[in-house]
Amino acid sequence: MTHWIIRHKVEDFDRWKLVFDDHDETRRANGFGGFQLFQTAENPNEVVILFEIKDVNLAKQFAVSTDLRNEMKKAGVSD
């Protein structure tokens, strides 16, 4: 099984989490499986996500998609 680790700094965790949860079906349709979500102890607005990847090529395409970039902007991802 392939995994990806993603780290984001977000403006507001609660706002980010709502958008992240709403986008779950789209992620799954684009090669992503389950995930584990972590917040760093020093900054609750820094998140780390460990994703299971079911289709690497599809996930890579989605990772650079306009749809994902727009959702990240809407969610307040700051880096």
PDB file of N, CA and C in Angstrom:
ATOM      1  N   MET A   1       0.855  -1.179   0.000  1.00  0.00           N
ATOM      2  CA  MET A   1       0.000   0.000   0.000  1.00  0.00           C
ATOM      3  C   MET A   1       0.897   1.238   0.000  1.00  0.00           C
ATOM      4  N   THR A   2       0.551   2.188  -0.824  1.00  0.00           N
ATOM      5  CA  THR A   2       1.283   3.444  -0.922  1.00  0.00           C
ATOM      6  C   THR A   2       0.653   4.466   0.015  1.00  0.00           C
ATOM      7  N   HIS A   3       1.494   5.287   0.623  1.00  0.00           N
ATOM      8  CA  HIS A   3       1.022   6.356   1.505  1.00  0.00           C
ATOM      9  C   HIS A   3       1.657   7.676   1.096  1.00  0.00           C
ATOM     10  N   TRP A   4       0.932   8.765   1.353  1.00  0.00           N
ATOM     11  CA  TRP A   4       1.461  10.127   1.188  1.00  0.00           C
ATOM     12  C   TRP A   4       1.305  10.848   2.497  1.00  0.00           C
ATOM     13  N   ILE A   5       2.321  11.617   2.836  1.00  0.00           N
ATOM     14  CA  ILE A   5       2.249  12.491   4.010  1.00  0.00           C
ATOM     15  C   ILE A   5       2.179  13.922   3.513  1.00  0.00           C
ATOM     16  N   ILE A   6       1.172  14.641   3.970  1.00  0.00           N
ATOM     17  CA  ILE A   6       0.952  16.032   3.586  1.00  0.00           C
ATOM     18  C   ILE A   6       0.986  16.883   4.852  1.00  0.00           C
ATOM     19  N   ARG A   7       1.666  18.026   4.782  1.00  0.00           N
ATOM     20  CA  ARG A   7       1.672  18.972   5.893  1.00  0.00           C
ATOM     21  C   ARG A   7       1.167  20.307   5.376  1.00  0.00           C
ATOM     22  N   HIS A   8       0.250  20.894   6.113  1.00  0.00           N
ATOM     23  CA  HIS A   8      -0.284  22.209   5.768  1.00  0.00           C
ATOM     24  C   HIS A   8      -0.305  23.094   7.007  1.00  0.00           C
ATOM     25  N   LYS A   9      -0.055  24.364   6.794  1.00  0.00           N
ATOM     26  CA  LYS A   9      -0.395  25.372   7.790  1.00  0.00           C
ATOM     27  C   LYS A   9      -1.691  25.989   7.303  1.00  0.00           C
ATOM     28  N   VAL A  10      -2.652  26.126   8.214  1.00  0.00           N
ATOM     29  CA  VAL A  10      -3.957  26.651   7.848  1.00  0.00           C
ATOM     30  C   VAL A  10      -4.267  27.862   8.719  1.00  0.00           C
ATOM     31  N   GLU A  11      -5.123  28.741   8.202  1.00  0.00           N
ATOM     32  CA  GLU A  11      -5.478  29.947   8.947  1.00  0.00           C
ATOM     33  C   GLU A  11      -6.325  29.626  10.169  1.00  0.00           C
ATOM     34  N   ASP A  12      -7.242  28.666  10.027  1.00  0.00           N
ATOM     35  CA  ASP A  12      -8.155  28.296  11.111  1.00  0.00           C
ATOM     36  C   ASP A  12      -8.506  26.818  10.956  1.00  0.00           C
ATOM     37  N   PHE A  13      -8.108  26.004  11.924  1.00  0.00           N
ATOM     38  CA  PHE A  13      -8.291  24.556  11.798  1.00  0.00           C
ATOM     39  C   PHE A  13      -9.752  24.180  11.587  1.00  0.00           C
ATOM     40  N   ASP A  14     -10.667  24.765  12.350  1.00  0.00           N
ATOM     41  CA  ASP A  14     -12.075  24.383  12.248  1.00  0.00           C
ATOM     42  C   ASP A  14     -12.637  24.674  10.854  1.00  0.00           C
ATOM     43  N   ARG A  15     -12.303  25.817  10.305  1.00  0.00           N
ATOM     44  CA  ARG A  15     -12.744  26.152   8.942  1.00  0.00           C
ATOM     45  C   ARG A  15     -12.137  25.183   7.931  1.00  0.00           C
ATOM     46  N   TRP A  16     -10.838  24.930   8.063  1.00  0.00           N
ATOM     47  CA  TRP A  16     -10.160  24.007   7.161  1.00  0.00           C
ATOM     48  C   TRP A  16     -10.798  22.617   7.218  1.00  0.00           C
ATOM     49  N   LYS A  17     -11.083  22.139   8.428  1.00  0.00           N
ATOM     50  CA  LYS A  17     -11.621  20.782   8.610  1.00  0.00           C
ATOM     51  C   LYS A  17     -12.979  20.626   7.936  1.00  0.00           C
ATOM     52  N   LEU A  18     -13.817  21.630   7.988  1.00  0.00           N
ATOM     53  CA  LEU A  18     -15.120  21.562   7.308  1.00  0.00           C
ATOM     54  C   LEU A  18     -14.946  21.380   5.800  1.00  0.00           C
ATOM     55  N   VAL A  19     -14.065  22.158   5.206  1.00  0.00           N
ATOM     56  CA  VAL A  19     -13.822  22.045   3.763  1.00  0.00           C
ATOM     57  C   VAL A  19     -13.177  20.696   3.448  1.00  0.00           C
ATOM     58  N   PHE A  20     -12.222  20.281   4.256  1.00  0.00           N
ATOM     59  CA  PHE A  20     -11.550  18.992   4.066  1.00  0.00           C
ATOM     60  C   PHE A  20     -12.566  17.853   4.092  1.00  0.00           C
ATOM     61  N   ASP A  21     -13.449  17.855   5.079  1.00  0.00           N
ATOM     62  CA  ASP A  21     -14.455  16.795   5.188  1.00  0.00           C
ATOM     63  C   ASP A  21     -15.416  16.811   4.003  1.00  0.00           C
ATOM     64  N   ASP A  22     -15.818  17.981   3.560  1.00  0.00           N
ATOM     65  CA  ASP A  22     -16.734  18.093   2.429  1.00  0.00           C
ATOM     66  C   ASP A  22     -16.113  17.587   1.124  1.00  0.00           C
ATOM     67  N   HIS A  23     -14.798  17.538   1.060  1.00  0.00           N
ATOM     68  CA  HIS A  23     -14.096  17.155  -0.158  1.00  0.00           C
ATOM     69  C   HIS A  23     -13.715  15.664  -0.176  1.00  0.00           C
ATOM     70  N   ASP A  24     -14.137  14.918   0.838  1.00  0.00           N
ATOM     71  CA  ASP A  24     -13.742  13.514   0.972  1.00  0.00           C
ATOM     72  C   ASP A  24     -14.158  12.661  -0.225  1.00  0.00           C
ATOM     73  N   GLU A  25     -15.380  12.789  -0.680  1.00  0.00           N
ATOM     74  CA  GLU A  25     -15.854  11.981  -1.801  1.00  0.00           C
ATOM     75  C   GLU A  25     -15.032  12.238  -3.060  1.00  0.00           C
ATOM     76  N   THR A  26     -14.667  13.497  -3.284  1.00  0.00           N
ATOM     77  CA  THR A  26     -13.853  13.849  -4.448  1.00  0.00           C
ATOM     78  C   THR A  26     -12.463  13.239  -4.336  1.00  0.00           C
ATOM     79  N   ARG A  27     -11.856  13.311  -3.132  1.00  0.00           N
ATOM     80  CA  ARG A  27     -10.535  12.688  -2.944  1.00  0.00           C
ATOM     81  C   ARG A  27     -10.600  11.199  -3.242  1.00  0.00           C
ATOM     82  N   ARG A  28     -11.606  10.538  -2.700  1.00  0.00           N
ATOM     83  CA  ARG A  28     -11.730   9.084  -2.885  1.00  0.00           C
ATOM     84  C   ARG A  28     -11.932   8.721  -4.356  1.00  0.00           C
ATOM     85  N   ALA A  29     -12.649   9.549  -5.087  1.00  0.00           N
ATOM     86  CA  ALA A  29     -12.861   9.313  -6.516  1.00  0.00           C
ATOM     87  C   ALA A  29     -11.592   9.545  -7.326  1.00  0.00           C
ATOM     88  N   ASN A  30     -10.593  10.148  -6.680  1.00  0.00           N
ATOM     89  CA  ASN A  30      -9.345  10.475  -7.373  1.00  0.00           C
ATOM     90  C   ASN A  30      -8.135   9.745  -6.787  1.00  0.00           C
ATOM     91  N   GLY A  31      -8.353   8.526  -6.320  1.00  0.00           N
ATOM     92  CA  GLY A  31      -7.238   7.668  -5.951  1.00  0.00           C
ATOM     93  C   GLY A  31      -6.842   7.645  -4.493  1.00  0.00           C
ATOM     94  N   PHE A  32      -7.481   8.480  -3.663  1.00  0.00           N
ATOM     95  CA  PHE A  32      -7.154   8.505  -2.239  1.00  0.00           C
ATOM     96  C   PHE A  32      -8.056   7.558  -1.470  1.00  0.00           C
ATOM     97  N   GLY A  33      -7.501   6.932  -0.442  1.00  0.00           N
ATOM     98  CA  GLY A  33      -8.280   6.055   0.427  1.00  0.00           C
ATOM     99  C   GLY A  33      -8.463   6.709   1.782  1.00  0.00           C
ATOM    100  N   GLY A  34      -8.308   5.921   2.811  1.00  0.00           N
ATOM    101  CA  GLY A  34      -8.441   6.429   4.167  1.00  0.00           C
ATOM    102  C   GLY A  34      -7.284   7.334   4.547  1.00  0.00           C
ATOM    103  N   PHE A  35      -7.381   7.932   5.720  1.00  0.00           N
ATOM    104  CA  PHE A  35      -6.336   8.844   6.171  1.00  0.00           C
ATOM    105  C   PHE A  35      -6.308   8.913   7.685  1.00  0.00           C
ATOM    106  N   GLN A  36      -5.204   9.408   8.203  1.00  0.00           N
ATOM    107  CA  GLN A  36      -5.067   9.768   9.612  1.00  0.00           C
ATOM    108  C   GLN A  36      -4.691  11.231   9.648  1.00  0.00           C
ATOM    109  N   LEU A  37      -5.322  11.984  10.533  1.00  0.00           N
ATOM    110  CA  LEU A  37      -5.121  13.424  10.626  1.00  0.00           C
ATOM    111  C   LEU A  37      -4.510  13.762  11.975  1.00  0.00           C
ATOM    112  N   PHE A  38      -3.487  14.621  11.947  1.00  0.00           N
ATOM    113  CA  PHE A  38      -2.789  15.034  13.160  1.00  0.00           C
ATOM    114  C   PHE A  38      -2.659  16.551  13.181  1.00  0.00           C
ATOM    115  N   GLN A  39      -2.660  17.117  14.378  1.00  0.00           N
ATOM    116  CA  GLN A  39      -2.321  18.529  14.578  1.00  0.00           C
ATOM    117  C   GLN A  39      -1.036  18.554  15.393  1.00  0.00           C
ATOM    118  N   THR A  40      -0.143  19.481  15.072  1.00  0.00           N
ATOM    119  CA  THR A  40       1.103  19.545  15.841  1.00  0.00           C
ATOM    120  C   THR A  40       0.830  20.129  17.227  1.00  0.00           C
ATOM    121  N   ALA A  41       1.627  19.728  18.186  1.00  0.00           N
ATOM    122  CA  ALA A  41       1.449  20.188  19.567  1.00  0.00           C
ATOM    123  C   ALA A  41       1.736  21.676  19.703  1.00  0.00           C
ATOM    124  N   GLU A  42       2.668  22.180  18.919  1.00  0.00           N
ATOM    125  CA  GLU A  42       3.067  23.578  19.029  1.00  0.00           C
ATOM    126  C   GLU A  42       2.073  24.522  18.363  1.00  0.00           C
ATOM    127  N   ASN A  43       1.379  24.032  17.331  1.00  0.00           N
ATOM    128  CA  ASN A  43       0.494  24.907  16.566  1.00  0.00           C
ATOM    129  C   ASN A  43      -0.699  24.090  16.059  1.00  0.00           C
ATOM    130  N   PRO A  44      -1.880  24.268  16.644  1.00  0.00           N
ATOM    131  CA  PRO A  44      -3.036  23.488  16.208  1.00  0.00           C
ATOM    132  C   PRO A  44      -3.490  23.819  14.780  1.00  0.00           C
ATOM    133  N   ASN A  45      -2.946  24.892  14.203  1.00  0.00           N
ATOM    134  CA  ASN A  45      -3.252  25.235  12.814  1.00  0.00           C
ATOM    135  C   ASN A  45      -2.222  24.673  11.841  1.00  0.00           C
ATOM    136  N   GLU A  46      -1.392  23.769  12.315  1.00  0.00           N
ATOM    137  CA  GLU A  46      -0.487  23.017  11.440  1.00  0.00           C
ATOM    138  C   GLU A  46      -0.962  21.571  11.459  1.00  0.00           C
ATOM    139  N   VAL A  47      -1.348  21.071  10.297  1.00  0.00           N
ATOM    140  CA  VAL A  47      -1.902  19.728  10.218  1.00  0.00           C
ATOM    141  C   VAL A  47      -0.995  18.828   9.384  1.00  0.00           C
ATOM    142  N   VAL A  48      -0.985  17.568   9.752  1.00  0.00           N
ATOM    143  CA  VAL A  48      -0.266  16.537   9.016  1.00  0.00           C
ATOM    144  C   VAL A  48      -1.281  15.442   8.718  1.00  0.00           C
ATOM    145  N   ILE A  49      -1.327  15.020   7.461  1.00  0.00           N
ATOM    146  CA  ILE A  49      -2.280  14.005   7.041  1.00  0.00           C
ATOM    147  C   ILE A  49      -1.506  12.853   6.404  1.00  0.00           C
ATOM    148  N   LEU A  50      -1.774  11.646   6.861  1.00  0.00           N
ATOM    149  CA  LEU A  50      -1.211  10.440   6.269  1.00  0.00           C
ATOM    150  C   LEU A  50      -2.322   9.776   5.464  1.00  0.00           C
ATOM    151  N   PHE A  51      -2.213   9.844   4.142  1.00  0.00           N
ATOM    152  CA  PHE A  51      -3.217   9.287   3.242  1.00  0.00           C
ATOM    153  C   PHE A  51      -2.803   7.913   2.746  1.00  0.00           C
ATOM    154  N   GLU A  52      -3.769   7.000   2.628  1.00  0.00           N
ATOM    155  CA  GLU A  52      -3.582   5.773   1.869  1.00  0.00           C
ATOM    156  C   GLU A  52      -3.885   6.133   0.414  1.00  0.00           C
ATOM    157  N   ILE A  53      -3.059   5.663  -0.486  1.00  0.00           N
ATOM    158  CA  ILE A  53      -3.250   5.941  -1.908  1.00  0.00           C
ATOM    159  C   ILE A  53      -3.592   4.630  -2.608  1.00  0.00           C
ATOM    160  N   LYS A  54      -4.749   4.625  -3.261  1.00  0.00           N
ATOM    161  CA  LYS A  54      -5.210   3.425  -3.959  1.00  0.00           C
ATOM    162  C   LYS A  54      -4.793   3.419  -5.424  1.00  0.00           C
ATOM    163  N   ASP A  55      -4.673   4.608  -6.028  1.00  0.00           N
ATOM    164  CA  ASP A  55      -4.271   4.728  -7.427  1.00  0.00           C
ATOM    165  C   ASP A  55      -3.290   5.900  -7.514  1.00  0.00           C
ATOM    166  N   VAL A  56      -2.009   5.583  -7.583  1.00  0.00           N
ATOM    167  CA  VAL A  56      -0.967   6.605  -7.528  1.00  0.00           C
ATOM    168  C   VAL A  56      -1.086   7.591  -8.690  1.00  0.00           C
ATOM    169  N   ASN A  57      -1.284   7.110  -9.897  1.00  0.00           N
ATOM    170  CA  ASN A  57      -1.355   8.016 -11.045  1.00  0.00           C
ATOM    171  C   ASN A  57      -2.540   8.967 -10.950  1.00  0.00           C
ATOM    172  N   LEU A  58      -3.675   8.453 -10.552  1.00  0.00           N
ATOM    173  CA  LEU A  58      -4.862   9.289 -10.390  1.00  0.00           C
ATOM    174  C   LEU A  58      -4.653  10.314  -9.276  1.00  0.00           C
ATOM    175  N   ALA A  59      -4.060   9.883  -8.177  1.00  0.00           N
ATOM    176  CA  ALA A  59      -3.794  10.786  -7.050  1.00  0.00           C
ATOM    177  C   ALA A  59      -2.811  11.891  -7.446  1.00  0.00           C
ATOM    178  N   LYS A  60      -1.793  11.551  -8.222  1.00  0.00           N
ATOM    179  CA  LYS A  60      -0.835  12.562  -8.679  1.00  0.00           C
ATOM    180  C   LYS A  60      -1.515  13.612  -9.550  1.00  0.00           C
ATOM    181  N   GLN A  61      -2.404  13.185 -10.424  1.00  0.00           N
ATOM    182  CA  GLN A  61      -3.136  14.131 -11.271  1.00  0.00           C
ATOM    183  C   GLN A  61      -4.013  15.046 -10.422  1.00  0.00           C
ATOM    184  N   PHE A  62      -4.689  14.466  -9.451  1.00  0.00           N
ATOM    185  CA  PHE A  62      -5.560  15.245  -8.576  1.00  0.00           C
ATOM    186  C   PHE A  62      -4.754  16.242  -7.741  1.00  0.00           C
ATOM    187  N   ALA A  63      -3.568  15.838  -7.312  1.00  0.00           N
ATOM    188  CA  ALA A  63      -2.736  16.686  -6.447  1.00  0.00           C
ATOM    189  C   ALA A  63      -2.346  18.000  -7.110  1.00  0.00           C
ATOM    190  N   VAL A  64      -2.335  18.044  -8.425  1.00  0.00           N
ATOM    191  CA  VAL A  64      -1.981  19.275  -9.143  1.00  0.00           C
ATOM    192  C   VAL A  64      -3.194  19.902  -9.835  1.00  0.00           C
ATOM    193  N   SER A  65      -4.382  19.437  -9.486  1.00  0.00           N
ATOM    194  CA  SER A  65      -5.592  19.904 -10.161  1.00  0.00           C
ATOM    195  C   SER A  65      -6.039  21.289  -9.680  1.00  0.00           C
ATOM    196  N   THR A  66      -6.720  21.976 -10.549  1.00  0.00           N
ATOM    197  CA  THR A  66      -7.315  23.271 -10.203  1.00  0.00           C
ATOM    198  C   THR A  66      -8.358  23.096  -9.113  1.00  0.00           C
ATOM    199  N   ASP A  67      -9.116  22.016  -9.168  1.00  0.00           N
ATOM    200  CA  ASP A  67     -10.131  21.752  -8.146  1.00  0.00           C
ATOM    201  C   ASP A  67      -9.509  21.714  -6.757  1.00  0.00           C
ATOM    202  N   LEU A  68      -8.428  20.973  -6.600  1.00  0.00           N
ATOM    203  CA  LEU A  68      -7.787  20.880  -5.288  1.00  0.00           C
ATOM    204  C   LEU A  68      -7.223  22.230  -4.862  1.00  0.00           C
ATOM    205  N   ARG A  69      -6.588  22.942  -5.761  1.00  0.00           N
ATOM    206  CA  ARG A  69      -6.043  24.266  -5.432  1.00  0.00           C
ATOM    207  C   ARG A  69      -7.143  25.220  -4.968  1.00  0.00           C
ATOM    208  N   ASN A  70      -8.290  25.179  -5.642  1.00  0.00           N
ATOM    209  CA  ASN A  70      -9.409  26.037  -5.240  1.00  0.00           C
ATOM    210  C   ASN A  70      -9.942  25.662  -3.859  1.00  0.00           C
ATOM    211  N   GLU A  71     -10.040  24.382  -3.578  1.00  0.00           N
ATOM    212  CA  GLU A  71     -10.511  23.936  -2.263  1.00  0.00           C
ATOM    213  C   GLU A  71      -9.514  24.321  -1.167  1.00  0.00           C
ATOM    214  N   MET A  72      -8.228  24.205  -1.452  1.00  0.00           N
ATOM    215  CA  MET A  72      -7.220  24.586  -0.466  1.00  0.00           C
ATOM    216  C   MET A  72      -7.306  26.079  -0.167  1.00  0.00           C
ATOM    217  N   LYS A  73      -7.522  26.871  -1.188  1.00  0.00           N
ATOM    218  CA  LYS A  73      -7.658  28.314  -0.996  1.00  0.00           C
ATOM    219  C   LYS A  73      -8.898  28.610  -0.149  1.00  0.00           C
ATOM    220  N   LYS A  74     -10.007  27.967  -0.494  1.00  0.00           N
ATOM    221  CA  LYS A  74     -11.258  28.145   0.249  1.00  0.00           C
ATOM    222  C   LYS A  74     -11.098  27.741   1.716  1.00  0.00           C
ATOM    223  N   ALA A  75     -10.299  26.707   1.960  1.00  0.00           N
ATOM    224  CA  ALA A  75     -10.099  26.182   3.305  1.00  0.00           C
ATOM    225  C   ALA A  75      -9.124  27.018   4.130  1.00  0.00           C
ATOM    226  N   GLY A  76      -8.392  27.913   3.485  1.00  0.00           N
ATOM    227  CA  GLY A  76      -7.444  28.742   4.205  1.00  0.00           C
ATOM    228  C   GLY A  76      -6.076  28.122   4.392  1.00  0.00           C
ATOM    229  N   VAL A  77      -5.672  27.253   3.462  1.00  0.00           N
ATOM    230  CA  VAL A  77      -4.318  26.704   3.525  1.00  0.00           C
ATOM    231  C   VAL A  77      -3.351  27.839   3.217  1.00  0.00           C
ATOM    232  N   SER A  78      -2.418  28.080   4.127  1.00  0.00           N
ATOM    233  CA  SER A  78      -1.529  29.237   3.975  1.00  0.00           C
ATOM    234  C   SER A  78      -0.150  28.889   3.455  1.00  0.00           C
ATOM    235  N   ASP A  79       0.167  27.612   3.329  1.00  0.00           N
ATOM    236  CA  ASP A  79       1.436  27.210   2.701  1.00  0.00           C
ATOM    237  C   ASP A  79       1.291  25.890   2.002  1.00  0.00           C
TER     238      ASP A  79
END
